[in-house]
PDB file of N, CA and C in Angstrom:
ATOM      1  N   MET A   1       0.712  -0.997   0.522  1.00  0.00           N
ATOM      2  CA  MET A   1      -0.127   0.119   0.198  1.00  0.00           C
ATOM      3  C   MET A   1       0.785   1.373  -0.088  1.00  0.00           C
ATOM      4  N   LYS A   2       0.528   2.144  -0.765  1.00  0.00           N
ATOM      5  CA  LYS A   2       1.056   3.227  -0.705  1.00  0.00           C
ATOM      6  C   LYS A   2       1.433   4.435  -0.238  1.00  0.00           C
ATOM      7  N   GLU A   3       2.054   4.671   0.544  1.00  0.00           N
ATOM      8  CA  GLU A   3       1.707   5.997   2.072  1.00  0.00           C
ATOM      9  C   GLU A   3       1.316   7.516   1.697  1.00  0.00           C
ATOM     10  N   GLU A   4       0.532   7.310   1.822  1.00  0.00           N
ATOM     11  CA  GLU A   4       0.293   9.515   1.645  1.00  0.00           C
ATOM     12  C   GLU A   4       1.099  10.088   2.482  1.00  0.00           C
ATOM     13  N   TYR A   5       1.038  11.365   1.812  1.00  0.00           N
ATOM     14  CA  TYR A   5       1.909  12.409   2.773  1.00  0.00           C
ATOM     15  C   TYR A   5       0.705  13.520   2.491  1.00  0.00           C
ATOM     16  N   PRO A   6       1.378  14.358   3.714  1.00  0.00           N
ATOM     17  CA  PRO A   6       0.106  15.383   3.713  1.00  0.00           C
ATOM     18  C   PRO A   6       0.674  16.346   2.305  1.00  0.00           C
ATOM     19  N   ARG A   7      -0.213  17.075   2.286  1.00  0.00           N
ATOM     20  CA  ARG A   7      -0.276  18.179   0.826  1.00  0.00           C
ATOM     21  C   ARG A   7      -0.711  18.981   1.332  1.00  0.00           C
ATOM     22  N   ASN A   8       0.042  20.509   1.507  1.00  0.00           N
ATOM     23  CA  ASN A   8       0.388  21.787   1.864  1.00  0.00           C
ATOM     24  C   ASN A   8       1.531  23.052   1.445  1.00  0.00           C
ATOM     25  N   GLU A   9       1.330  24.033   1.432  1.00  0.00           N
ATOM     26  CA  GLU A   9       2.125  24.914   1.183  1.00  0.00           C
ATOM     27  C   GLU A   9       3.377  25.168   1.794  1.00  0.00           C
ATOM     28  N   GLY A  10       3.653  23.966   2.910  1.00  0.00           N
ATOM     29  CA  GLY A  10       4.761  24.373   3.318  1.00  0.00           C
ATOM     30  C   GLY A  10       5.684  23.314   2.775  1.00  0.00           C
ATOM     31  N   GLU A  11       5.442  22.425   1.999  1.00  0.00           N
ATOM     32  CA  GLU A  11       5.941  21.465   1.833  1.00  0.00           C
ATOM     33  C   GLU A  11       7.017  21.438   0.611  1.00  0.00           C
ATOM     34  N   VAL A  12       8.498  20.768   0.274  1.00  0.00           N
ATOM     35  CA  VAL A  12       9.533  21.089  -0.382  1.00  0.00           C
ATOM     36  C   VAL A  12      10.457  19.860  -0.868  1.00  0.00           C
ATOM     37  N   VAL A  13      10.835  19.781  -1.552  1.00  0.00           N
ATOM     38  CA  VAL A  13      11.411  18.388  -2.594  1.00  0.00           C
ATOM     39  C   VAL A  13      12.589  19.069  -2.486  1.00  0.00           C
ATOM     40  N   ILE A  14      14.044  17.719  -1.608  1.00  0.00           N
ATOM     41  CA  ILE A  14      15.052  18.456  -1.723  1.00  0.00           C
ATOM     42  C   ILE A  14      15.830  17.038  -2.865  1.00  0.00           C
ATOM     43  N   CYS A  15      16.688  17.450  -3.569  1.00  0.00           N
ATOM     44  CA  CYS A  15      17.111  16.713  -4.612  1.00  0.00           C
ATOM     45  C   CYS A  15      18.603  16.711  -4.265  1.00  0.00           C
ATOM     46  N   THR A  16      19.253  15.648  -3.861  1.00  0.00           N
ATOM     47  CA  THR A  16      21.068  15.904  -3.395  1.00  0.00           C
ATOM     48  C   THR A  16      21.561  14.920  -4.553  1.00  0.00           C
ATOM     49  N   ASN A  17      20.900  14.300  -5.340  1.00  0.00           N
ATOM     50  CA  ASN A  17      21.694  14.011  -6.470  1.00  0.00           C
ATOM     51  C   ASN A  17      20.372  13.416  -7.861  1.00  0.00           C
ATOM     52  N   CYS A  18      20.616  13.043  -8.771  1.00  0.00           N
ATOM     53  CA  CYS A  18      19.956  12.181  -9.586  1.00  0.00           C
ATOM     54  C   CYS A  18      19.367  10.754  -9.700  1.00  0.00           C
ATOM     55  N   ILE A  19      20.148  10.746  -7.938  1.00  0.00           N
ATOM     56  CA  ILE A  19      19.514   8.795  -7.894  1.00  0.00           C
ATOM     57  C   ILE A  19      18.321   9.017  -7.089  1.00  0.00           C
ATOM     58  N   TYR A  20      19.138  10.133  -5.884  1.00  0.00           N
ATOM     59  CA  TYR A  20      18.444   9.943  -4.556  1.00  0.00           C
ATOM     60  C   TYR A  20      17.409  10.802  -4.578  1.00  0.00           C
ATOM     61  N   TYR A  21      16.100  11.153  -4.032  1.00  0.00           N
ATOM     62  CA  TYR A  21      15.150  12.044  -3.974  1.00  0.00           C
ATOM     63  C   TYR A  21      14.257  11.988  -2.591  1.00  0.00           C
ATOM     64  N   ALA A  22      14.344  13.040  -2.014  1.00  0.00           N
ATOM     65  CA  ALA A  22      13.815  12.977  -0.278  1.00  0.00           C
ATOM     66  C   ALA A  22      12.354  14.198  -0.667  1.00  0.00           C
ATOM     67  N   TYR A  23      11.750  13.727   0.224  1.00  0.00           N
ATOM     68  CA  TYR A  23      10.412  14.415   0.137  1.00  0.00           C
ATOM     69  C   TYR A  23       9.990  15.235   1.507  1.00  0.00           C
ATOM     70  N   ILE A  24      10.196  16.571   1.988  1.00  0.00           N
ATOM     71  CA  ILE A  24      10.077  16.960   3.270  1.00  0.00           C
ATOM     72  C   ILE A  24       8.763  17.939   3.370  1.00  0.00           C
ATOM     73  N   HIS A  25       8.041  17.902   4.435  1.00  0.00           N
ATOM     74  CA  HIS A  25       6.654  18.488   4.637  1.00  0.00           C
ATOM     75  C   HIS A  25       6.866  18.951   6.374  1.00  0.00           C
ATOM     76  N   TYR A  26       6.024  19.722   6.765  1.00  0.00           N
ATOM     77  CA  TYR A  26       6.275  20.692   7.497  1.00  0.00           C
ATOM     78  C   TYR A  26       6.144  19.937   8.785  1.00  0.00           C
ATOM     79  N   HIS A  27       6.368  18.519   8.664  1.00  0.00           N
ATOM     80  CA  HIS A  27       6.550  18.074  10.006  1.00  0.00           C
ATOM     81  C   HIS A  27       7.992  17.741  10.291  1.00  0.00           C
ATOM     82  N   ARG A  28       8.469  18.626   9.371  1.00  0.00           N
ATOM     83  CA  ARG A  28      10.216  18.069   9.230  1.00  0.00           C
ATOM     84  C   ARG A  28      10.565  15.898   9.096  1.00  0.00           C
ATOM     85  N   MET A  29       9.624  15.974   8.849  1.00  0.00           N
ATOM     86  CA  MET A  29       9.929  14.180   8.686  1.00  0.00           C
ATOM     87  C   MET A  29      10.298  14.032   7.087  1.00  0.00           C
ATOM     88  N   ILE A  30      11.254  13.400   6.782  1.00  0.00           N
ATOM     89  CA  ILE A  30      12.227  12.633   5.439  1.00  0.00           C
ATOM     90  C   ILE A  30      11.524  11.132   5.592  1.00  0.00           C
ATOM     91  N   HIS A  31      10.999  11.308   3.773  1.00  0.00           N
ATOM     92  CA  HIS A  31      10.552  10.138   3.236  1.00  0.00           C
ATOM     93  C   HIS A  31      11.017  10.026   2.155  1.00  0.00           C
ATOM     94  N   HIS A  32      11.653   8.613   1.268  1.00  0.00           N
ATOM     95  CA  HIS A  32      11.814   8.646   0.352  1.00  0.00           C
ATOM     96  C   HIS A  32      10.502   8.244  -0.557  1.00  0.00           C
ATOM     97  N   ILE A  33      10.910   8.908  -1.795  1.00  0.00           N
ATOM     98  CA  ILE A  33       9.705   8.864  -3.038  1.00  0.00           C
ATOM     99  C   ILE A  33      10.365   8.099  -4.130  1.00  0.00           C
ATOM    100  N   ASP A  34       9.475   7.538  -5.092  1.00  0.00           N
ATOM    101  CA  ASP A  34       9.692   6.769  -6.149  1.00  0.00           C
ATOM    102  C   ASP A  34       9.746   8.035  -7.372  1.00  0.00           C
ATOM    103  N   ILE A  35      10.149   7.737  -8.440  1.00  0.00           N
ATOM    104  CA  ILE A  35      10.185   9.028  -9.130  1.00  0.00           C
ATOM    105  C   ILE A  35       8.971   9.414  -9.744  1.00  0.00           C
ATOM    106  N   ASN A  36       8.454   8.276 -10.023  1.00  0.00           N
ATOM    107  CA  ASN A  36       6.628   8.839 -10.320  1.00  0.00           C
ATOM    108  C   ASN A  36       6.009   9.504  -9.718  1.00  0.00           C
ATOM    109  N   GLU A  37       6.441   9.430  -8.400  1.00  0.00           N
ATOM    110  CA  GLU A  37       5.436  10.599  -6.628  1.00  0.00           C
ATOM    111  C   GLU A  37       6.625  11.635  -7.161  1.00  0.00           C
ATOM    112  N   PHE A  38       8.049  11.969  -7.406  1.00  0.00           N
ATOM    113  CA  PHE A  38       8.420  12.913  -7.342  1.00  0.00           C
ATOM    114  C   PHE A  38       8.366  13.738  -8.606  1.00  0.00           C
ATOM    115  N   ILE A  39       8.415  12.977  -9.691  1.00  0.00           N
ATOM    116  CA  ILE A  39       7.461  14.076 -11.288  1.00  0.00           C
ATOM    117  C   ILE A  39       6.238  14.335 -10.831  1.00  0.00           C
ATOM    118  N   GLU A  40       5.309  13.934  -9.869  1.00  0.00           N
ATOM    119  CA  GLU A  40       3.854  14.162  -9.738  1.00  0.00           C
ATOM    120  C   GLU A  40       4.278  15.895  -8.437  1.00  0.00           C
ATOM    121  N   LEU A  41       4.867  15.064  -7.607  1.00  0.00           N
ATOM    122  CA  LEU A  41       5.272  16.327  -6.734  1.00  0.00           C
ATOM    123  C   LEU A  41       5.680  17.738  -6.754  1.00  0.00           C
ATOM    124  N   ALA A  42       6.666  17.640  -8.384  1.00  0.00           N
ATOM    125  CA  ALA A  42       7.291  18.552  -9.035  1.00  0.00           C
ATOM    126  C   ALA A  42       6.746  19.696  -9.590  1.00  0.00           C
ATOM    127  N   GLN A  43       5.263  19.507  -9.943  1.00  0.00           N
ATOM    128  CA  GLN A  43       4.379  20.091 -10.587  1.00  0.00           C
ATOM    129  C   GLN A  43       3.823  21.056  -9.664  1.00  0.00           C
ATOM    130  N   THR A  44       3.636  20.700  -8.782  1.00  0.00           N
ATOM    131  CA  THR A  44       3.410  22.119  -7.539  1.00  0.00           C
ATOM    132  C   THR A  44       4.160  22.226  -6.403  1.00  0.00           C
ATOM    133  N   THR A  45       5.045  22.171  -6.136  1.00  0.00           N
ATOM    134  CA  THR A  45       6.271  21.511  -4.664  1.00  0.00           C
ATOM    135  C   THR A  45       7.432  22.574  -5.428  1.00  0.00           C
ATOM    136  N   PRO A  46       8.176  23.350  -4.651  1.00  0.00           N
ATOM    137  CA  PRO A  46       9.371  23.776  -5.076  1.00  0.00           C
ATOM    138  C   PRO A  46      10.433  22.424  -5.182  1.00  0.00           C
ATOM    139  N   ILE A  47      11.249  22.293  -5.878  1.00  0.00           N
ATOM    140  CA  ILE A  47      12.606  21.521  -5.642  1.00  0.00           C
ATOM    141  C   ILE A  47      14.021  22.082  -5.550  1.00  0.00           C
ATOM    142  N   PHE A  48      14.488  21.782  -4.718  1.00  0.00           N
ATOM    143  CA  PHE A  48      15.785  21.905  -4.262  1.00  0.00           C
ATOM    144  C   PHE A  48      16.846  21.698  -4.607  1.00  0.00           C
ATOM    145  N   ASP A  49      17.980  22.076  -5.420  1.00  0.00           N
ATOM    146  CA  ASP A  49      18.939  21.489  -5.809  1.00  0.00           C
ATOM    147  C   ASP A  49      20.315  21.701  -5.246  1.00  0.00           C
ATOM    148  N   VAL A  50      21.231  20.586  -4.123  1.00  0.00           N
ATOM    149  CA  VAL A  50      21.835  21.205  -3.115  1.00  0.00           C
ATOM    150  C   VAL A  50      23.159  20.700  -2.993  1.00  0.00           C
ATOM    151  N   ARG A  51      23.302  20.834  -4.579  1.00  0.00           N
ATOM    152  CA  ARG A  51      24.582  20.206  -5.099  1.00  0.00           C
ATOM    153  C   ARG A  51      25.580  21.486  -5.574  1.00  0.00           C
ATOM    154  N   SER A  52      26.729  21.070  -6.347  1.00  0.00           N
ATOM    155  CA  SER A  52      26.976  22.612  -6.279  1.00  0.00           C
ATOM    156  C   SER A  52      26.924  23.083  -7.383  1.00  0.00           C
ATOM    157  N   PRO A  53      27.654  24.209  -7.357  1.00  0.00           N
ATOM    158  CA  PRO A  53      27.467  25.079  -9.258  1.00  0.00           C
ATOM    159  C   PRO A  53      27.291  24.778 -10.097  1.00  0.00           C
ATOM    160  N   GLY A  54      28.602  23.594 -10.300  1.00  0.00           N
ATOM    161  CA  GLY A  54      28.658  22.971 -11.366  1.00  0.00           C
ATOM    162  C   GLY A  54      28.155  22.089 -11.225  1.00  0.00           C
ATOM    163  N   GLU A  55      27.921  21.313 -10.591  1.00  0.00           N
ATOM    164  CA  GLU A  55      27.251  19.860 -10.737  1.00  0.00           C
ATOM    165  C   GLU A  55      25.495  20.817 -11.236  1.00  0.00           C
ATOM    166  N   TYR A  56      25.233  21.580 -10.656  1.00  0.00           N
ATOM    167  CA  TYR A  56      24.211  22.674 -10.922  1.00  0.00           C
ATOM    168  C   TYR A  56      23.848  22.949 -12.801  1.00  0.00           C
ATOM    169  N   ASP A  57      24.852  23.599 -12.850  1.00  0.00           N
ATOM    170  CA  ASP A  57      25.021  23.700 -14.406  1.00  0.00           C
ATOM    171  C   ASP A  57      25.407  22.565 -15.327  1.00  0.00           C
ATOM    172  N   HIS A  58      26.077  21.886 -14.750  1.00  0.00           N
ATOM    173  CA  HIS A  58      25.970  20.136 -15.501  1.00  0.00           C
ATOM    174  C   HIS A  58      24.789  19.842 -16.307  1.00  0.00           C
ATOM    175  N   ALA A  59      23.915  19.748 -14.852  1.00  0.00           N
ATOM    176  CA  ALA A  59      22.770  19.672 -15.230  1.00  0.00           C
ATOM    177  C   ALA A  59      21.976  19.101 -14.364  1.00  0.00           C
ATOM    178  N   HIS A  60      20.518  19.306 -14.356  1.00  0.00           N
ATOM    179  CA  HIS A  60      19.958  19.762 -13.378  1.00  0.00           C
ATOM    180  C   HIS A  60      18.202  19.463 -13.888  1.00  0.00           C
ATOM    181  N   ILE A  61      17.105  19.577 -12.571  1.00  0.00           N
ATOM    182  CA  ILE A  61      16.347  18.813 -13.122  1.00  0.00           C
ATOM    183  C   ILE A  61      15.466  20.814 -13.379  1.00  0.00           C
ATOM    184  N   PRO A  62      14.250  20.398 -14.774  1.00  0.00           N
ATOM    185  CA  PRO A  62      14.191  21.331 -14.752  1.00  0.00           C
ATOM    186  C   PRO A  62      13.003  22.269 -13.903  1.00  0.00           C
ATOM    187  N   ASN A  63      13.252  23.493 -14.007  1.00  0.00           N
ATOM    188  CA  ASN A  63      12.868  24.796 -12.678  1.00  0.00           C
ATOM    189  C   ASN A  63      13.219  24.306 -11.550  1.00  0.00           C
ATOM    190  N   ALA A  64      14.361  23.622 -11.008  1.00  0.00           N
ATOM    191  CA  ALA A  64      14.597  23.012  -9.635  1.00  0.00           C
ATOM    192  C   ALA A  64      15.698  24.464  -9.477  1.00  0.00           C
ATOM    193  N   TYR A  65      15.427  24.971  -8.170  1.00  0.00           N
ATOM    194  CA  TYR A  65      15.944  26.434  -7.277  1.00  0.00           C
ATOM    195  C   TYR A  65      17.730  25.485  -7.091  1.00  0.00           C
ATOM    196  N   SER A  66      18.415  26.447  -7.676  1.00  0.00           N
ATOM    197  CA  SER A  66      20.085  26.067  -7.087  1.00  0.00           C
ATOM    198  C   SER A  66      19.638  26.524  -5.726  1.00  0.00           C
ATOM    199  N   LEU A  67      20.535  25.626  -4.703  1.00  0.00           N
ATOM    200  CA  LEU A  67      20.629  26.204  -3.265  1.00  0.00           C
ATOM    201  C   LEU A  67      21.916  25.256  -2.497  1.00  0.00           C
ATOM    202  N   PRO A  68      23.149  25.732  -3.442  1.00  0.00           N
ATOM    203  CA  PRO A  68      24.340  24.680  -3.285  1.00  0.00           C
ATOM    204  C   PRO A  68      24.356  24.481  -1.800  1.00  0.00           C
ATOM    205  N   LEU A  69      25.058  23.537  -1.244  1.00  0.00           N
ATOM    206  CA  LEU A  69      25.542  23.297   0.164  1.00  0.00           C
ATOM    207  C   LEU A  69      27.521  23.738   0.385  1.00  0.00           C
ATOM    208  N   PHE A  70      27.468  23.362  -1.104  1.00  0.00           N
ATOM    209  CA  PHE A  70      28.747  23.777  -1.050  1.00  0.00           C
ATOM    210  C   PHE A  70      29.232  24.348  -2.365  1.00  0.00           C
ATOM    211  N   SER A  71      30.382  25.114  -2.397  1.00  0.00           N
ATOM    212  CA  SER A  71      30.841  26.425  -3.699  1.00  0.00           C
ATOM    213  C   SER A  71      31.437  25.211  -4.470  1.00  0.00           C
ATOM    214  N   ASN A  72      31.784  25.340  -5.407  1.00  0.00           N
ATOM    215  CA  ASN A  72      32.713  24.748  -6.135  1.00  0.00           C
ATOM    216  C   ASN A  72      34.452  23.765  -5.739  1.00  0.00           C
ATOM    217  N   GLU A  73      34.682  24.980  -5.522  1.00  0.00           N
ATOM    218  CA  GLU A  73      35.769  24.435  -4.831  1.00  0.00           C
ATOM    219  C   GLU A  73      35.707  24.254  -3.155  1.00  0.00           C
ATOM    220  N   GLU A  74      34.657  24.194  -2.045  1.00  0.00           N
ATOM    221  CA  GLU A  74      34.394  23.519  -1.413  1.00  0.00           C
ATOM    222  C   GLU A  74      34.288  22.314  -1.398  1.00  0.00           C
ATOM    223  N   ARG A  75      33.326  21.955  -2.414  1.00  0.00           N
ATOM    224  CA  ARG A  75      33.362  20.544  -2.982  1.00  0.00           C
ATOM    225  C   ARG A  75      34.558  20.024  -2.892  1.00  0.00           C
ATOM    226  N   LYS A  76      35.314  20.406  -4.297  1.00  0.00           N
ATOM    227  CA  LYS A  76      36.673  20.005  -4.488  1.00  0.00           C
ATOM    228  C   LYS A  76      37.576  19.613  -3.413  1.00  0.00           C
ATOM    229  N   VAL A  77      37.687  20.200  -1.921  1.00  0.00           N
ATOM    230  CA  VAL A  77      38.118  20.189  -0.837  1.00  0.00           C
ATOM    231  C   VAL A  77      37.543  19.173  -0.094  1.00  0.00           C
ATOM    232  N   VAL A  78      36.068  19.358   0.191  1.00  0.00           N
ATOM    233  CA  VAL A  78      35.532  18.203   0.674  1.00  0.00           C
ATOM    234  C   VAL A  78      36.155  16.713   0.353  1.00  0.00           C
ATOM    235  N   GLY A  79      35.778  16.631  -1.200  1.00  0.00           N
ATOM    236  CA  GLY A  79      36.157  15.532  -2.229  1.00  0.00           C
ATOM    237  C   GLY A  79      37.519  14.905  -1.938  1.00  0.00           C
ATOM    238  N   THR A  80      38.664  16.008  -1.924  1.00  0.00           N
ATOM    239  CA  THR A  80      40.042  15.501  -1.637  1.00  0.00           C
ATOM    240  C   THR A  80      40.233  15.079  -0.131  1.00  0.00           C
ATOM    241  N   ALA A  81      39.610  15.856  -0.129  1.00  0.00           N
ATOM    242  CA  ALA A  81      39.869  14.898   1.801  1.00  0.00           C
ATOM    243  C   ALA A  81      38.870  13.664   1.634  1.00  0.00           C
ATOM    244  N   TYR A  82      37.632  13.845   1.182  1.00  0.00           N
ATOM    245  CA  TYR A  82      37.047  12.655   1.453  1.00  0.00           C
ATOM    246  C   TYR A  82      38.415  10.994   1.143  1.00  0.00           C
ATOM    247  N   LYS A  83      38.812  11.586  -0.337  1.00  0.00           N
ATOM    248  CA  LYS A  83      39.619  10.365  -0.819  1.00  0.00           C
ATOM    249  C   LYS A  83      40.616   9.898  -0.186  1.00  0.00           C
ATOM    250  N   GLN A  84      41.744  11.730   0.353  1.00  0.00           N
ATOM    251  CA  GLN A  84      42.972  11.145   0.493  1.00  0.00           C
ATOM    252  C   GLN A  84      43.037  11.331   2.266  1.00  0.00           C
ATOM    253  N   GLN A  85      42.551  11.429   3.168  1.00  0.00           N
ATOM    254  CA  GLN A  85      41.755  11.507   4.133  1.00  0.00           C
ATOM    255  C   GLN A  85      41.166  10.639   4.643  1.00  0.00           C
ATOM    256  N   SER A  86      39.679  10.717   5.210  1.00  0.00           N
ATOM    257  CA  SER A  86      38.826  10.080   5.598  1.00  0.00           C
ATOM    258  C   SER A  86      37.429  10.497   5.313  1.00  0.00           C
ATOM    259  N   ARG A  87      36.218   9.930   5.146  1.00  0.00           N
ATOM    260  CA  ARG A  87      35.309  10.331   5.690  1.00  0.00           C
ATOM    261  C   ARG A  87      34.690  11.202   6.194  1.00  0.00           C
ATOM    262  N   GLU A  88      35.013  10.698   7.383  1.00  0.00           N
ATOM    263  CA  GLU A  88      34.884  11.679   8.840  1.00  0.00           C
ATOM    264  C   GLU A  88      35.485  12.634   8.643  1.00  0.00           C
ATOM    265  N   ASP A  89      36.632  12.909   7.927  1.00  0.00           N
ATOM    266  CA  ASP A  89      37.320  14.431   8.495  1.00  0.00           C
ATOM    267  C   ASP A  89      36.546  15.017   7.133  1.00  0.00           C
ATOM    268  N   ALA A  90      36.217  14.640   6.047  1.00  0.00           N
ATOM    269  CA  ALA A  90      35.440  14.824   5.209  1.00  0.00           C
ATOM    270  C   ALA A  90      33.905  15.702   5.655  1.00  0.00           C
ATOM    271  N   ILE A  91      33.275  14.395   6.399  1.00  0.00           N
ATOM    272  CA  ILE A  91      32.187  15.722   7.051  1.00  0.00           C
ATOM    273  C   ILE A  91      32.484  16.396   7.738  1.00  0.00           C
ATOM    274  N   LYS A  92      33.498  16.210   8.504  1.00  0.00           N
ATOM    275  CA  LYS A  92      33.471  17.922   9.585  1.00  0.00           C
ATOM    276  C   LYS A  92      34.810  18.808   8.756  1.00  0.00           C
ATOM    277  N   ILE A  93      34.474  18.873   7.900  1.00  0.00           N
ATOM    278  CA  ILE A  93      35.347  19.743   6.340  1.00  0.00           C
ATOM    279  C   ILE A  93      34.291  20.489   6.097  1.00  0.00           C
ATOM    280  N   GLY A  94      33.100  19.836   5.746  1.00  0.00           N
ATOM    281  CA  GLY A  94      31.909  19.828   5.055  1.00  0.00           C
ATOM    282  C   GLY A  94      30.953  21.178   6.079  1.00  0.00           C
ATOM    283  N   LEU A  95      31.138  20.052   7.146  1.00  0.00           N
ATOM    284  CA  LEU A  95      30.202  21.129   8.407  1.00  0.00           C
ATOM    285  C   LEU A  95      30.598  22.959   8.015  1.00  0.00           C
ATOM    286  N   ASP A  96      32.250  22.621   8.896  1.00  0.00           N
ATOM    287  CA  ASP A  96      32.682  23.647   8.551  1.00  0.00           C
ATOM    288  C   ASP A  96      32.244  24.965   7.595  1.00  0.00           C
ATOM    289  N   PHE A  97      32.140  23.995   5.913  1.00  0.00           N
ATOM    290  CA  PHE A  97      31.705  24.989   5.713  1.00  0.00           C
ATOM    291  C   PHE A  97      30.433  25.666   5.244  1.00  0.00           C
ATOM    292  N   TYR A  98      28.918  24.606   5.321  1.00  0.00           N
ATOM    293  CA  TYR A  98      27.701  24.382   5.594  1.00  0.00           C
ATOM    294  C   TYR A  98      27.708  25.406   6.954  1.00  0.00           C
ATOM    295  N   GLY A  99      27.895  25.195   7.960  1.00  0.00           N
ATOM    296  CA  GLY A  99      27.173  25.583   8.963  1.00  0.00           C
ATOM    297  C   GLY A  99      27.412  27.016   8.926  1.00  0.00           C
ATOM    298  N   VAL A 100      27.918  27.911   8.341  1.00  0.00           N
ATOM    299  CA  VAL A 100      27.793  29.257   8.305  1.00  0.00           C
ATOM    300  C   VAL A 100      26.599  29.709   7.450  1.00  0.00           C
ATOM    301  N   LYS A 101      26.045  28.598   6.770  1.00  0.00           N
ATOM    302  CA  LYS A 101      25.774  28.927   5.651  1.00  0.00           C
ATOM    303  C   LYS A 101      24.276  28.684   5.926  1.00  0.00           C
ATOM    304  N   MET A 102      23.905  27.952   7.253  1.00  0.00           N
ATOM    305  CA  MET A 102      22.508  27.612   7.323  1.00  0.00           C
ATOM    306  C   MET A 102      21.667  27.979   7.449  1.00  0.00           C
ATOM    307  N   ARG A 103      21.663  29.550   8.563  1.00  0.00           N
ATOM    308  CA  ARG A 103      20.533  30.672   8.312  1.00  0.00           C
ATOM    309  C   ARG A 103      20.333  31.149   7.253  1.00  0.00           C
ATOM    310  N   GLY A 104      21.264  31.295   6.053  1.00  0.00           N
ATOM    311  CA  GLY A 104      20.816  32.274   4.855  1.00  0.00           C
ATOM    312  C   GLY A 104      19.837  31.052   4.169  1.00  0.00           C
ATOM    313  N   MET A 105      20.524  29.716   3.847  1.00  0.00           N
ATOM    314  CA  MET A 105      19.730  28.915   3.073  1.00  0.00           C
ATOM    315  C   MET A 105      18.179  28.739   3.724  1.00  0.00           C
ATOM    316  N   VAL A 106      17.588  28.688   5.323  1.00  0.00           N
ATOM    317  CA  VAL A 106      17.059  28.557   5.537  1.00  0.00           C
ATOM    318  C   VAL A 106      15.859  29.986   4.886  1.00  0.00           C
ATOM    319  N   GLU A 107      16.284  31.209   5.314  1.00  0.00           N
ATOM    320  CA  GLU A 107      15.712  32.420   4.753  1.00  0.00           C
ATOM    321  C   GLU A 107      15.436  32.034   3.660  1.00  0.00           C
ATOM    322  N   GLU A 108      16.327  31.884   2.643  1.00  0.00           N
ATOM    323  CA  GLU A 108      16.191  31.585   1.183  1.00  0.00           C
ATOM    324  C   GLU A 108      14.625  30.615   0.930  1.00  0.00           C
ATOM    325  N   VAL A 109      14.740  29.436   1.443  1.00  0.00           N
ATOM    326  CA  VAL A 109      13.323  28.205   1.314  1.00  0.00           C
ATOM    327  C   VAL A 109      12.030  29.201   1.817  1.00  0.00           C
ATOM    328  N   GLU A 110      12.555  29.893   2.900  1.00  0.00           N
ATOM    329  CA  GLU A 110      11.464  30.650   3.455  1.00  0.00           C
ATOM    330  C   GLU A 110      11.215  31.327   2.345  1.00  0.00           C
ATOM    331  N   ARG A 111      11.307  32.254   1.863  1.00  0.00           N
ATOM    332  CA  ARG A 111      11.177  33.208   1.031  1.00  0.00           C
ATOM    333  C   ARG A 111      10.888  32.576  -0.229  1.00  0.00           C
ATOM    334  N   ILE A 112      11.248  31.954  -0.661  1.00  0.00           N
ATOM    335  CA  ILE A 112      10.758  31.223  -1.953  1.00  0.00           C
ATOM    336  C   ILE A 112       9.509  30.401  -1.791  1.00  0.00           C
ATOM    337  N   ILE A 113       9.006  30.131  -0.861  1.00  0.00           N
ATOM    338  CA  ILE A 113       7.895  29.224  -0.674  1.00  0.00           C
ATOM    339  C   ILE A 113       7.300  30.554  -0.062  1.00  0.00           C
ATOM    340  N   ALA A 114       7.351  31.460   0.474  1.00  0.00           N
ATOM    341  CA  ALA A 114       6.259  32.793   0.307  1.00  0.00           C
ATOM    342  C   ALA A 114       5.954  33.378  -0.792  1.00  0.00           C
ATOM    343  N   GLU A 115       7.045  33.740  -1.915  1.00  0.00           N
ATOM    344  CA  GLU A 115       6.483  33.712  -3.100  1.00  0.00           C
ATOM    345  C   GLU A 115       5.464  32.784  -4.134  1.00  0.00           C
ATOM    346  N   ARG A 116       5.877  31.766  -3.699  1.00  0.00           N
ATOM    347  CA  ARG A 116       5.063  30.727  -4.478  1.00  0.00           C
ATOM    348  C   ARG A 116       3.878  30.878  -4.094  1.00  0.00           C
ATOM    349  N   ASN A 117       3.742  30.826  -3.025  1.00  0.00           N
ATOM    350  CA  ASN A 117       2.248  31.175  -2.339  1.00  0.00           C
ATOM    351  C   ASN A 117       1.896  32.420  -1.062  1.00  0.00           C
ATOM    352  N   PRO A 118       1.708  33.749  -1.548  1.00  0.00           N
ATOM    353  CA  PRO A 118       1.724  34.286  -0.645  1.00  0.00           C
ATOM    354  C   PRO A 118       0.873  33.871   0.796  1.00  0.00           C
ATOM    355  N   ASP A 119      -0.505  33.169   0.880  1.00  0.00           N
ATOM    356  CA  ASP A 119      -1.175  32.735   1.443  1.00  0.00           C
ATOM    357  C   ASP A 119      -0.163  31.902   2.591  1.00  0.00           C
ATOM    358  N   THR A 120       0.284  31.438   2.500  1.00  0.00           N
ATOM    359  CA  THR A 120       1.193  30.430   3.110  1.00  0.00           C
ATOM    360  C   THR A 120       1.321  30.659   4.711  1.00  0.00           C
ATOM    361  N   ASN A 121       0.841  30.172   5.547  1.00  0.00           N
ATOM    362  CA  ASN A 121       0.740  31.220   7.220  1.00  0.00           C
ATOM    363  C   ASN A 121       2.100  30.635   7.356  1.00  0.00           C
ATOM    364  N   ASP A 122       2.595  30.974   8.617  1.00  0.00           N
ATOM    365  CA  ASP A 122       3.487  30.719   9.871  1.00  0.00           C
ATOM    366  C   ASP A 122       4.044  28.806  10.251  1.00  0.00           C
ATOM    367  N   TYR A 123       2.651  28.418  10.003  1.00  0.00           N
ATOM    368  CA  TYR A 123       2.951  27.040  10.656  1.00  0.00           C
ATOM    369  C   TYR A 123       3.654  26.492  10.260  1.00  0.00           C
ATOM    370  N   THR A 124       3.321  26.818   8.737  1.00  0.00           N
ATOM    371  CA  THR A 124       3.724  26.137   7.335  1.00  0.00           C
ATOM    372  C   THR A 124       5.302  26.297   7.019  1.00  0.00           C
ATOM    373  N   ARG A 125       6.047  26.961   7.768  1.00  0.00           N
ATOM    374  CA  ARG A 125       7.162  27.701   7.426  1.00  0.00           C
ATOM    375  C   ARG A 125       8.086  27.250   8.727  1.00  0.00           C
ATOM    376  N   ARG A 126       7.599  26.891  10.232  1.00  0.00           N
ATOM    377  CA  ARG A 126       8.348  26.651  11.163  1.00  0.00           C
ATOM    378  C   ARG A 126       8.972  25.435  11.180  1.00  0.00           C
TER     379      ARG A 126
END
């Protein structure tokens, strides 16, 4: 049986790569979805592509918003650490890069959701 998810103005879809899709709703729960449901959701729900600008420029889902976790250079540093040091070191380096951007990214998502649906109330953005 297919699980149904709430549909409301606070929903977003985040694409981290071309294989993995996650659906996030206002309860902050993450659900894996199949490609068919992703395509259906993409018609009415903002899609945020969190890959680096270079990856986004190379190929992205039409109408997806680019909201990169790392710049191209930061991605290179994290990838090099992953290959030459360890996964754990790469994660820590990535957190150093990403941590200072978190607030701005949340505010950008809130702005986009508000622009797409001006009637969205504060509850759906919490």
